[in-house]
């Protein structure tokens, strides 16, 4: 069964993206705390340095810049796409044209 795309659907999708971003950022903070505790003063050497380097150079960019940053990330791209759909497909459609398309027998 086909569904009709509406502003409410776009708004709900944007809310879901924002919930995802908040959850991902919260989990990142928890992971950062774990790494900081793991590599505290008592844990030194190559293993500690490796954990720090991996977290800073691999995990942080993947979980921040590439995933949840407000610009240039995957979620920013999804939000931009949703805004474009809303603006170009939903906000600019003439309601009279939509009504005419639903009942084409009325004429112009």
PDB file of N, CA and C in Angstrom:
ATOM      1  N   UNK A   1       0.840  -1.161   0.000  1.00  0.00           N
ATOM      2  CA  UNK A   1       0.000   0.000   0.000  1.00  0.00           C
ATOM      3  C   UNK A   1       0.898   1.242   0.000  1.00  0.00           C
ATOM      4  N   UNK A   2       0.623   2.174  -0.841  1.00  0.00           N
ATOM      5  CA  UNK A   2       1.397   3.406  -0.939  1.00  0.00           C
ATOM      6  C   UNK A   2       1.031   4.340   0.207  1.00  0.00           C
ATOM      7  N   UNK A   3       1.994   5.096   0.643  1.00  0.00           N
ATOM      8  CA  UNK A   3       1.729   6.095   1.670  1.00  0.00           C
ATOM      9  C   UNK A   3       1.985   7.477   1.090  1.00  0.00           C
ATOM     10  N   UNK A   4       1.382   8.473   1.672  1.00  0.00           N
ATOM     11  CA  UNK A   4       1.532   9.838   1.208  1.00  0.00           C
ATOM     12  C   UNK A   4       2.593  10.514   2.051  1.00  0.00           C
ATOM     13  N   UNK A   5       3.593  11.081   1.386  1.00  0.00           N
ATOM     14  CA  UNK A   5       4.640  11.796   2.076  1.00  0.00           C
ATOM     15  C   UNK A   5       4.080  13.104   2.612  1.00  0.00           C
ATOM     16  N   UNK A   6       4.321  13.364   3.871  1.00  0.00           N
ATOM     17  CA  UNK A   6       3.801  14.583   4.488  1.00  0.00           C
ATOM     18  C   UNK A   6       4.894  15.267   5.303  1.00  0.00           C
ATOM     19  N   UNK A   7       4.631  16.506   5.656  1.00  0.00           N
ATOM     20  CA  UNK A   7       5.566  17.238   6.511  1.00  0.00           C
ATOM     21  C   UNK A   7       5.742  16.532   7.846  1.00  0.00           C
ATOM     22  N   UNK A   8       4.685  15.918   8.348  1.00  0.00           N
ATOM     23  CA  UNK A   8       4.764  15.198   9.617  1.00  0.00           C
ATOM     24  C   UNK A   8       5.751  14.032   9.526  1.00  0.00           C
ATOM     25  N   UNK A   9       5.756  13.349   8.408  1.00  0.00           N
ATOM     26  CA  UNK A   9       6.702  12.236   8.225  1.00  0.00           C
ATOM     27  C   UNK A   9       8.130  12.759   8.240  1.00  0.00           C
ATOM     28  N   UNK A  10       8.367  13.878   7.555  1.00  0.00           N
ATOM     29  CA  UNK A  10       9.702  14.474   7.518  1.00  0.00           C
ATOM     30  C   UNK A  10      10.102  14.937   8.925  1.00  0.00           C
ATOM     31  N   UNK A  11       9.197  15.588   9.619  1.00  0.00           N
ATOM     32  CA  UNK A  11       9.469  16.062  10.984  1.00  0.00           C
ATOM     33  C   UNK A  11       9.786  14.889  11.908  1.00  0.00           C
ATOM     34  N   UNK A  12       9.046  13.805  11.799  1.00  0.00           N
ATOM     35  CA  UNK A  12       9.320  12.611  12.609  1.00  0.00           C
ATOM     36  C   UNK A  12      10.682  12.021  12.277  1.00  0.00           C
ATOM     37  N   UNK A  13      11.023  11.990  10.990  1.00  0.00           N
ATOM     38  CA  UNK A  13      12.326  11.465  10.580  1.00  0.00           C
ATOM     39  C   UNK A  13      13.449  12.338  11.133  1.00  0.00           C
ATOM     40  N   UNK A  14      13.265  13.658  11.072  1.00  0.00           N
ATOM     41  CA  UNK A  14      14.276  14.557  11.629  1.00  0.00           C
ATOM     42  C   UNK A  14      14.402  14.367  13.139  1.00  0.00           C
ATOM     43  N   UNK A  15      13.296  14.151  13.819  1.00  0.00           N
ATOM     44  CA  UNK A  15      13.338  13.868  15.255  1.00  0.00           C
ATOM     45  C   UNK A  15      14.104  12.587  15.550  1.00  0.00           C
ATOM     46  N   UNK A  16      13.909  11.579  14.708  1.00  0.00           N
ATOM     47  CA  UNK A  16      14.633  10.315  14.884  1.00  0.00           C
ATOM     48  C   UNK A  16      16.128  10.503  14.670  1.00  0.00           C
ATOM     49  N   UNK A  17      16.498  11.298  13.671  1.00  0.00           N
ATOM     50  CA  UNK A  17      17.910  11.577  13.425  1.00  0.00           C
ATOM     51  C   UNK A  17      18.507  12.300  14.628  1.00  0.00           C
ATOM     52  N   UNK A  18      17.789  13.276  15.169  1.00  0.00           N
ATOM     53  CA  UNK A  18      18.290  14.009  16.332  1.00  0.00           C
ATOM     54  C   UNK A  18      18.417  13.114  17.556  1.00  0.00           C
ATOM     55  N   UNK A  19      17.475  12.201  17.743  1.00  0.00           N
ATOM     56  CA  UNK A  19      17.567  11.231  18.839  1.00  0.00           C
ATOM     57  C   UNK A  19      18.797  10.352  18.656  1.00  0.00           C
ATOM     58  N   UNK A  20      19.035   9.918  17.424  1.00  0.00           N
ATOM     59  CA  UNK A  20      20.217   9.097  17.116  1.00  0.00           C
ATOM     60  C   UNK A  20      21.497   9.865  17.439  1.00  0.00           C
ATOM     61  N   UNK A  21      21.554  11.139  17.037  1.00  0.00           N
ATOM     62  CA  UNK A  21      22.742  11.956  17.295  1.00  0.00           C
ATOM     63  C   UNK A  21      22.980  12.078  18.795  1.00  0.00           C
ATOM     64  N   UNK A  22      21.926  12.381  19.536  1.00  0.00           N
ATOM     65  CA  UNK A  22      22.071  12.517  20.994  1.00  0.00           C
ATOM     66  C   UNK A  22      22.533  11.218  21.637  1.00  0.00           C
ATOM     67  N   UNK A  23      21.971  10.093  21.209  1.00  0.00           N
ATOM     68  CA  UNK A  23      22.359   8.791  21.763  1.00  0.00           C
ATOM     69  C   UNK A  23      23.806   8.466  21.403  1.00  0.00           C
ATOM     70  N   UNK A  24      24.181   8.710  20.149  1.00  0.00           N
ATOM     71  CA  UNK A  24      25.559   8.441  19.716  1.00  0.00           C
ATOM     72  C   UNK A  24      26.549   9.309  20.493  1.00  0.00           C
ATOM     73  N   UNK A  25      26.213  10.574  20.699  1.00  0.00           N
ATOM     74  CA  UNK A  25      27.105  11.456  21.460  1.00  0.00           C
ATOM     75  C   UNK A  25      27.219  11.021  22.920  1.00  0.00           C
ATOM     76  N   UNK A  26      26.117  10.561  23.489  1.00  0.00           N
ATOM     77  CA  UNK A  26      26.147  10.073  24.865  1.00  0.00           C
ATOM     78  C   UNK A  26      27.025   8.821  24.969  1.00  0.00           C
ATOM     79  N   UNK A  27      26.859   7.903  24.025  1.00  0.00           N
ATOM     80  CA  UNK A  27      27.678   6.688  24.039  1.00  0.00           C
ATOM     81  C   UNK A  27      29.150   7.009  23.813  1.00  0.00           C
ATOM     82  N   UNK A  28      29.427   7.993  22.956  1.00  0.00           N
ATOM     83  CA  UNK A  28      30.801   8.419  22.729  1.00  0.00           C
ATOM     84  C   UNK A  28      31.406   8.962  24.024  1.00  0.00           C
ATOM     85  N   UNK A  29      30.651   9.765  24.752  1.00  0.00           N
ATOM     86  CA  UNK A  29      31.140  10.315  26.025  1.00  0.00           C
ATOM     87  C   UNK A  29      31.444   9.202  27.020  1.00  0.00           C
ATOM     88  N   UNK A  30      30.584   8.203  27.063  1.00  0.00           N
ATOM     89  CA  UNK A  30      30.822   7.066  27.956  1.00  0.00           C
ATOM     90  C   UNK A  30      32.083   6.312  27.543  1.00  0.00           C
ATOM     91  N   UNK A  31      32.254   6.111  26.245  1.00  0.00           N
ATOM     92  CA  UNK A  31      33.454   5.436  25.745  1.00  0.00           C
ATOM     93  C   UNK A  31      34.700   6.255  26.053  1.00  0.00           C
ATOM     94  N   UNK A  32      34.602   7.558  25.872  1.00  0.00           N
ATOM     95  CA  UNK A  32      35.732   8.440  26.174  1.00  0.00           C
ATOM     96  C   UNK A  32      36.112   8.345  27.654  1.00  0.00           C
ATOM     97  N   UNK A  33      35.121   8.286  28.522  1.00  0.00           N
ATOM     98  CA  UNK A  33      35.380   8.151  29.948  1.00  0.00           C
ATOM     99  C   UNK A  33      36.071   6.822  30.245  1.00  0.00           C
ATOM    100  N   UNK A  34      35.623   5.762  29.608  1.00  0.00           N
ATOM    101  CA  UNK A  34      36.243   4.441  29.802  1.00  0.00           C
ATOM    102  C   UNK A  34      37.696   4.466  29.348  1.00  0.00           C
ATOM    103  N   UNK A  35      37.951   5.041  28.180  1.00  0.00           N
ATOM    104  CA  UNK A  35      39.319   5.109  27.660  1.00  0.00           C
ATOM    105  C   UNK A  35      40.186   5.961  28.588  1.00  0.00           C
ATOM    106  N   UNK A  36      39.648   7.094  29.052  1.00  0.00           N
ATOM    107  CA  UNK A  36      40.416   7.949  29.958  1.00  0.00           C
ATOM    108  C   UNK A  36      40.760   7.220  31.251  1.00  0.00           C
ATOM    109  N   UNK A  37      39.800   6.465  31.786  1.00  0.00           N
ATOM    110  CA  UNK A  37      40.062   5.690  33.006  1.00  0.00           C
ATOM    111  C   UNK A  37      41.045   4.561  32.748  1.00  0.00           C
ATOM    112  N   UNK A  38      40.920   3.928  31.606  1.00  0.00           N
ATOM    113  CA  UNK A  38      41.799   2.815  31.251  1.00  0.00           C
ATOM    114  C   UNK A  38      43.237   3.272  31.080  1.00  0.00           C
ATOM    115  N   UNK A  39      43.393   4.458  30.514  1.00  0.00           N
ATOM    116  CA  UNK A  39      44.751   4.939  30.236  1.00  0.00           C
ATOM    117  C   UNK A  39      45.191   5.990  31.256  1.00  0.00           C
ATOM    118  N   UNK A  40      44.673   5.879  32.470  1.00  0.00           N
ATOM    119  CA  UNK A  40      45.064   6.799  33.539  1.00  0.00           C
ATOM    120  C   UNK A  40      46.533   6.595  33.894  1.00  0.00           C
ATOM    121  N   UNK A  41      46.998   7.346  34.854  1.00  0.00           N
ATOM    122  CA  UNK A  41      48.422   7.352  35.225  1.00  0.00           C
ATOM    123  C   UNK A  41      49.007   5.972  35.491  1.00  0.00           C
ATOM    124  N   UNK A  42      48.211   5.036  35.995  1.00  0.00           N
ATOM    125  CA  UNK A  42      48.741   3.724  36.324  1.00  0.00           C
ATOM    126  C   UNK A  42      48.947   2.812  35.114  1.00  0.00           C
ATOM    127  N   UNK A  43      48.438   3.179  33.985  1.00  0.00           N
ATOM    128  CA  UNK A  43      48.541   2.342  32.781  1.00  0.00           C
ATOM    129  C   UNK A  43      49.427   3.067  31.781  1.00  0.00           C
ATOM    130  N   UNK A  44      50.646   2.624  31.657  1.00  0.00           N
ATOM    131  CA  UNK A  44      51.643   3.285  30.811  1.00  0.00           C
ATOM    132  C   UNK A  44      52.183   2.311  29.771  1.00  0.00           C
ATOM    133  N   UNK A  45      52.911   2.816  28.837  1.00  0.00           N
ATOM    134  CA  UNK A  45      53.598   1.985  27.867  1.00  0.00           C
ATOM    135  C   UNK A  45      52.901   1.941  26.531  1.00  0.00           C
ATOM    136  N   UNK A  46      53.381   1.015  25.700  1.00  0.00           N
ATOM    137  CA  UNK A  46      52.892   0.920  24.331  1.00  0.00           C
ATOM    138  C   UNK A  46      51.408   0.606  24.254  1.00  0.00           C
ATOM    139  N   UNK A  47      50.914  -0.255  25.131  1.00  0.00           N
ATOM    140  CA  UNK A  47      49.489  -0.608  25.099  1.00  0.00           C
ATOM    141  C   UNK A  47      48.635   0.614  25.413  1.00  0.00           C
ATOM    142  N   UNK A  48      48.999   1.372  26.441  1.00  0.00           N
ATOM    143  CA  UNK A  48      48.242   2.577  26.798  1.00  0.00           C
ATOM    144  C   UNK A  48      48.301   3.595  25.669  1.00  0.00           C
ATOM    145  N   UNK A  49      49.483   3.770  25.105  1.00  0.00           N
ATOM    146  CA  UNK A  49      49.629   4.705  23.985  1.00  0.00           C
ATOM    147  C   UNK A  49      48.806   4.262  22.786  1.00  0.00           C
ATOM    148  N   UNK A  50      48.764   2.952  22.558  1.00  0.00           N
ATOM    149  CA  UNK A  50      47.970   2.418  21.448  1.00  0.00           C
ATOM    150  C   UNK A  50      46.482   2.671  21.635  1.00  0.00           C
ATOM    151  N   UNK A  51      45.986   2.469  22.847  1.00  0.00           N
ATOM    152  CA  UNK A  51      44.577   2.769  23.134  1.00  0.00           C
ATOM    153  C   UNK A  51      44.278   4.240  22.885  1.00  0.00           C
ATOM    154  N   UNK A  52      45.136   5.116  23.431  1.00  0.00           N
ATOM    155  CA  UNK A  52      44.933   6.563  23.260  1.00  0.00           C
ATOM    156  C   UNK A  52      44.954   6.948  21.783  1.00  0.00           C
ATOM    157  N   UNK A  53      45.948   6.444  21.072  1.00  0.00           N
ATOM    158  CA  UNK A  53      46.091   6.790  19.649  1.00  0.00           C
ATOM    159  C   UNK A  53      44.901   6.290  18.836  1.00  0.00           C
ATOM    160  N   UNK A  54      44.493   5.055  19.089  1.00  0.00           N
ATOM    161  CA  UNK A  54      43.332   4.522  18.374  1.00  0.00           C
ATOM    162  C   UNK A  54      42.090   5.362  18.647  1.00  0.00           C
ATOM    163  N   UNK A  55      41.865   5.684  19.908  1.00  0.00           N
ATOM    164  CA  UNK A  55      40.677   6.457  20.265  1.00  0.00           C
ATOM    165  C   UNK A  55      40.714   7.840  19.633  1.00  0.00           C
ATOM    166  N   UNK A  56      41.853   8.518  19.728  1.00  0.00           N
ATOM    167  CA  UNK A  56      41.959   9.879  19.210  1.00  0.00           C
ATOM    168  C   UNK A  56      41.970   9.936  17.683  1.00  0.00           C
ATOM    169  N   UNK A  57      42.664   8.998  17.042  1.00  0.00           N
ATOM    170  CA  UNK A  57      42.860   9.090  15.590  1.00  0.00           C
ATOM    171  C   UNK A  57      41.890   8.262  14.760  1.00  0.00           C
ATOM    172  N   UNK A  58      41.237   7.297  15.364  1.00  0.00           N
ATOM    173  CA  UNK A  58      40.307   6.435  14.612  1.00  0.00           C
ATOM    174  C   UNK A  58      38.867   6.568  15.115  1.00  0.00           C
ATOM    175  N   UNK A  59      38.673   6.298  16.403  1.00  0.00           N
ATOM    176  CA  UNK A  59      37.307   6.293  16.949  1.00  0.00           C
ATOM    177  C   UNK A  59      36.695   7.687  16.974  1.00  0.00           C
ATOM    178  N   UNK A  60      37.453   8.686  17.426  1.00  0.00           N
ATOM    179  CA  UNK A  60      36.900  10.038  17.530  1.00  0.00           C
ATOM    180  C   UNK A  60      36.452  10.584  16.172  1.00  0.00           C
ATOM    181  N   UNK A  61      37.276  10.519  15.125  1.00  0.00           N
ATOM    182  CA  UNK A  61      36.783  10.997  13.820  1.00  0.00           C
ATOM    183  C   UNK A  61      35.586  10.191  13.311  1.00  0.00           C
ATOM    184  N   UNK A  62      35.600   8.882  13.514  1.00  0.00           N
ATOM    185  CA  UNK A  62      34.497   8.047  13.016  1.00  0.00           C
ATOM    186  C   UNK A  62      33.198   8.354  13.747  1.00  0.00           C
ATOM    187  N   UNK A  63      33.280   8.575  15.049  1.00  0.00           N
ATOM    188  CA  UNK A  63      32.080   8.799  15.843  1.00  0.00           C
ATOM    189  C   UNK A  63      31.684  10.267  15.913  1.00  0.00           C
ATOM    190  N   UNK A  64      32.590  11.159  15.591  1.00  0.00           N
ATOM    191  CA  UNK A  64      32.298  12.586  15.656  1.00  0.00           C
ATOM    192  C   UNK A  64      32.148  13.198  14.285  1.00  0.00           C
ATOM    193  N   UNK A  65      33.261  13.508  13.654  1.00  0.00           N
ATOM    194  CA  UNK A  65      33.245  14.186  12.362  1.00  0.00           C
ATOM    195  C   UNK A  65      32.424  13.440  11.318  1.00  0.00           C
ATOM    196  N   UNK A  66      32.591  12.162  11.229  1.00  0.00           N
ATOM    197  CA  UNK A  66      31.946  11.396  10.163  1.00  0.00           C
ATOM    198  C   UNK A  66      30.510  10.999  10.461  1.00  0.00           C
ATOM    199  N   UNK A  67      30.121  11.029  11.731  1.00  0.00           N
ATOM    200  CA  UNK A  67      28.807  10.513  12.094  1.00  0.00           C
ATOM    201  C   UNK A  67      27.849  11.577  12.617  1.00  0.00           C
ATOM    202  N   UNK A  68      28.305  12.425  13.520  1.00  0.00           N
ATOM    203  CA  UNK A  68      27.345  13.284  14.210  1.00  0.00           C
ATOM    204  C   UNK A  68      27.642  14.779  14.183  1.00  0.00           C
ATOM    205  N   UNK A  69      28.731  15.211  13.593  1.00  0.00           N
ATOM    206  CA  UNK A  69      29.019  16.648  13.548  1.00  0.00           C
ATOM    207  C   UNK A  69      27.900  17.378  12.807  1.00  0.00           C
ATOM    208  N   UNK A  70      27.586  18.615  13.225  1.00  0.00           N
ATOM    209  CA  UNK A  70      26.482  19.359  12.604  1.00  0.00           C
ATOM    210  C   UNK A  70      26.657  19.651  11.115  1.00  0.00           C
ATOM    211  N   UNK A  71      27.893  19.673  10.631  1.00  0.00           N
ATOM    212  CA  UNK A  71      28.120  19.872   9.193  1.00  0.00           C
ATOM    213  C   UNK A  71      29.080  18.807   8.686  1.00  0.00           C
ATOM    214  N   UNK A  72      28.825  18.299   7.520  1.00  0.00           N
ATOM    215  CA  UNK A  72      29.733  17.365   6.868  1.00  0.00           C
ATOM    216  C   UNK A  72      29.643  15.916   7.308  1.00  0.00           C
ATOM    217  N   UNK A  73      28.809  15.594   8.263  1.00  0.00           N
ATOM    218  CA  UNK A  73      28.710  14.207   8.727  1.00  0.00           C
ATOM    219  C   UNK A  73      27.549  13.490   8.040  1.00  0.00           C
ATOM    220  N   UNK A  74      27.462  12.200   8.280  1.00  0.00           N
ATOM    221  CA  UNK A  74      26.374  11.398   7.729  1.00  0.00           C
ATOM    222  C   UNK A  74      25.019  11.918   8.200  1.00  0.00           C
ATOM    223  N   UNK A  75      24.889  12.169   9.493  1.00  0.00           N
ATOM    224  CA  UNK A  75      23.596  12.630   9.999  1.00  0.00           C
ATOM    225  C   UNK A  75      23.276  14.048   9.527  1.00  0.00           C
ATOM    226  N   UNK A  76      24.285  14.887   9.338  1.00  0.00           N
ATOM    227  CA  UNK A  76      24.046  16.229   8.781  1.00  0.00           C
ATOM    228  C   UNK A  76      23.529  16.107   7.352  1.00  0.00           C
ATOM    229  N   UNK A  77      24.099  15.176   6.587  1.00  0.00           N
ATOM    230  CA  UNK A  77      23.636  14.942   5.217  1.00  0.00           C
ATOM    231  C   UNK A  77      22.195  14.446   5.183  1.00  0.00           C
ATOM    232  N   UNK A  78      21.852  13.569   6.101  1.00  0.00           N
ATOM    233  CA  UNK A  78      20.470  13.077   6.165  1.00  0.00           C
ATOM    234  C   UNK A  78      19.519  14.215   6.514  1.00  0.00           C
ATOM    235  N   UNK A  79      19.897  15.045   7.486  1.00  0.00           N
ATOM    236  CA  UNK A  79      19.053  16.186   7.841  1.00  0.00           C
ATOM    237  C   UNK A  79      18.910  17.159   6.675  1.00  0.00           C
ATOM    238  N   UNK A  80      20.000  17.410   5.957  1.00  0.00           N
ATOM    239  CA  UNK A  80      19.929  18.283   4.781  1.00  0.00           C
ATOM    240  C   UNK A  80      18.998  17.706   3.722  1.00  0.00           C
ATOM    241  N   UNK A  81      19.087  16.402   3.497  1.00  0.00           N
ATOM    242  CA  UNK A  81      18.225  15.748   2.525  1.00  0.00           C
ATOM    243  C   UNK A  81      16.759  15.880   2.934  1.00  0.00           C
ATOM    244  N   UNK A  82      16.479  15.659   4.215  1.00  0.00           N
ATOM    245  CA  UNK A  82      15.101  15.786   4.701  1.00  0.00           C
ATOM    246  C   UNK A  82      14.595  17.218   4.559  1.00  0.00           C
ATOM    247  N   UNK A  83      15.438  18.202   4.862  1.00  0.00           N
ATOM    248  CA  UNK A  83      15.049  19.602   4.682  1.00  0.00           C
ATOM    249  C   UNK A  83      14.761  19.915   3.214  1.00  0.00           C
ATOM    250  N   UNK A  84      15.592  19.391   2.322  1.00  0.00           N
ATOM    251  CA  UNK A  84      15.400  19.624   0.894  1.00  0.00           C
ATOM    252  C   UNK A  84      14.095  18.999   0.410  1.00  0.00           C
ATOM    253  N   UNK A  85      13.825  17.791   0.842  1.00  0.00           N
ATOM    254  CA  UNK A  85      12.562  17.133   0.476  1.00  0.00           C
ATOM    255  C   UNK A  85      11.387  17.970   0.953  1.00  0.00           C
ATOM    256  N   UNK A  86      11.457  18.402   2.199  1.00  0.00           N
ATOM    257  CA  UNK A  86      10.363  19.198   2.760  1.00  0.00           C
ATOM    258  C   UNK A  86      10.192  20.509   1.996  1.00  0.00           C
ATOM    259  N   UNK A  87      11.281  21.220   1.757  1.00  0.00           N
ATOM    260  CA  UNK A  87      11.209  22.521   1.105  1.00  0.00           C
ATOM    261  C   UNK A  87      10.803  22.414  -0.363  1.00  0.00           C
ATOM    262  N   UNK A  88      11.405  21.480  -1.087  1.00  0.00           N
ATOM    263  CA  UNK A  88      11.186  21.435  -2.529  1.00  0.00           C
ATOM    264  C   UNK A  88       9.987  20.604  -2.952  1.00  0.00           C
ATOM    265  N   UNK A  89       9.620  19.622  -2.166  1.00  0.00           N
ATOM    266  CA  UNK A  89       8.504  18.773  -2.561  1.00  0.00           C
ATOM    267  C   UNK A  89       7.221  19.056  -1.790  1.00  0.00           C
ATOM    268  N   UNK A  90       7.364  19.484  -0.559  1.00  0.00           N
ATOM    269  CA  UNK A  90       6.165  19.644   0.257  1.00  0.00           C
ATOM    270  C   UNK A  90       5.767  21.102   0.438  1.00  0.00           C
ATOM    271  N   UNK A  91       6.709  21.975   0.694  1.00  0.00           N
ATOM    272  CA  UNK A  91       6.381  23.365   0.977  1.00  0.00           C
ATOM    273  C   UNK A  91       6.016  24.159  -0.269  1.00  0.00           C
ATOM    274  N   UNK A  92       6.457  23.698  -1.444  1.00  0.00           N
ATOM    275  CA  UNK A  92       6.224  24.476  -2.660  1.00  0.00           C
ATOM    276  C   UNK A  92       5.072  23.949  -3.508  1.00  0.00           C
ATOM    277  N   UNK A  93       4.490  22.829  -3.125  1.00  0.00           N
ATOM    278  CA  UNK A  93       3.390  22.260  -3.906  1.00  0.00           C
ATOM    279  C   UNK A  93       2.124  23.073  -3.653  1.00  0.00           C
ATOM    280  N   UNK A  94       1.467  23.450  -4.710  1.00  0.00           N
ATOM    281  CA  UNK A  94       0.216  24.200  -4.635  1.00  0.00           C
ATOM    282  C   UNK A  94      -0.892  23.273  -4.141  1.00  0.00           C
ATOM    283  N   UNK A  95      -1.518  23.575  -2.994  1.00  0.00           N
ATOM    284  CA  UNK A  95      -2.580  22.712  -2.474  1.00  0.00           C
ATOM    285  C   UNK A  95      -3.731  22.548  -3.461  1.00  0.00           C
ATOM    286  N   UNK A  96      -4.025  23.597  -4.247  1.00  0.00           N
ATOM    287  CA  UNK A  96      -5.081  23.490  -5.255  1.00  0.00           C
ATOM    288  C   UNK A  96      -4.740  22.465  -6.320  1.00  0.00           C
ATOM    289  N   UNK A  97      -3.468  22.419  -6.712  1.00  0.00           N
ATOM    290  CA  UNK A  97      -3.030  21.429  -7.692  1.00  0.00           C
ATOM    291  C   UNK A  97      -3.157  20.027  -7.116  1.00  0.00           C
ATOM    292  N   UNK A  98      -2.808  19.886  -5.843  1.00  0.00           N
ATOM    293  CA  UNK A  98      -2.956  18.578  -5.200  1.00  0.00           C
ATOM    294  C   UNK A  98      -4.403  18.143  -5.183  1.00  0.00           C
ATOM    295  N   UNK A  99      -5.301  19.050  -4.884  1.00  0.00           N
ATOM    296  CA  UNK A  99      -6.729  18.729  -4.857  1.00  0.00           C
ATOM    297  C   UNK A  99      -7.225  18.373  -6.261  1.00  0.00           C
ATOM    298  N   UNK A 100      -6.768  19.118  -7.268  1.00  0.00           N
ATOM    299  CA  UNK A 100      -7.149  18.842  -8.646  1.00  0.00           C
ATOM    300  C   UNK A 100      -6.638  17.459  -9.086  1.00  0.00           C
ATOM    301  N   UNK A 101      -5.426  17.119  -8.665  1.00  0.00           N
ATOM    302  CA  UNK A 101      -4.878  15.813  -9.016  1.00  0.00           C
ATOM    303  C   UNK A 101      -5.656  14.678  -8.359  1.00  0.00           C
ATOM    304  N   UNK A 102      -6.226  14.949  -7.193  1.00  0.00           N
ATOM    305  CA  UNK A 102      -7.014  13.926  -6.515  1.00  0.00           C
ATOM    306  C   UNK A 102      -8.379  13.727  -7.180  1.00  0.00           C
ATOM    307  N   UNK A 103      -8.889  14.785  -7.783  1.00  0.00           N
ATOM    308  CA  UNK A 103     -10.197  14.729  -8.438  1.00  0.00           C
ATOM    309  C   UNK A 103     -10.102  15.445  -9.784  1.00  0.00           C
ATOM    310  N   UNK A 104      -9.448  14.802 -10.775  1.00  0.00           N
ATOM    311  CA  UNK A 104      -9.189  15.476 -12.044  1.00  0.00           C
ATOM    312  C   UNK A 104     -10.459  15.787 -12.851  1.00  0.00           C
ATOM    313  N   UNK A 105     -11.589  15.269 -12.475  1.00  0.00           N
ATOM    314  CA  UNK A 105     -12.813  15.519 -13.231  1.00  0.00           C
ATOM    315  C   UNK A 105     -13.374  16.920 -13.058  1.00  0.00           C
ATOM    316  N   UNK A 106     -12.870  17.695 -12.068  1.00  0.00           N
ATOM    317  CA  UNK A 106     -13.403  19.031 -11.799  1.00  0.00           C
ATOM    318  C   UNK A 106     -12.966  20.062 -12.821  1.00  0.00           C
ATOM    319  N   UNK A 107     -11.853  19.828 -13.484  1.00  0.00           N
ATOM    320  CA  UNK A 107     -11.360  20.808 -14.457  1.00  0.00           C
ATOM    321  C   UNK A 107     -10.610  21.931 -13.782  1.00  0.00           C
ATOM    322  N   UNK A 108     -10.013  22.792 -14.608  1.00  0.00           N
ATOM    323  CA  UNK A 108      -9.176  23.869 -14.073  1.00  0.00           C
ATOM    324  C   UNK A 108      -9.958  25.106 -13.767  1.00  0.00           C
TER     325      UNK A 108
END
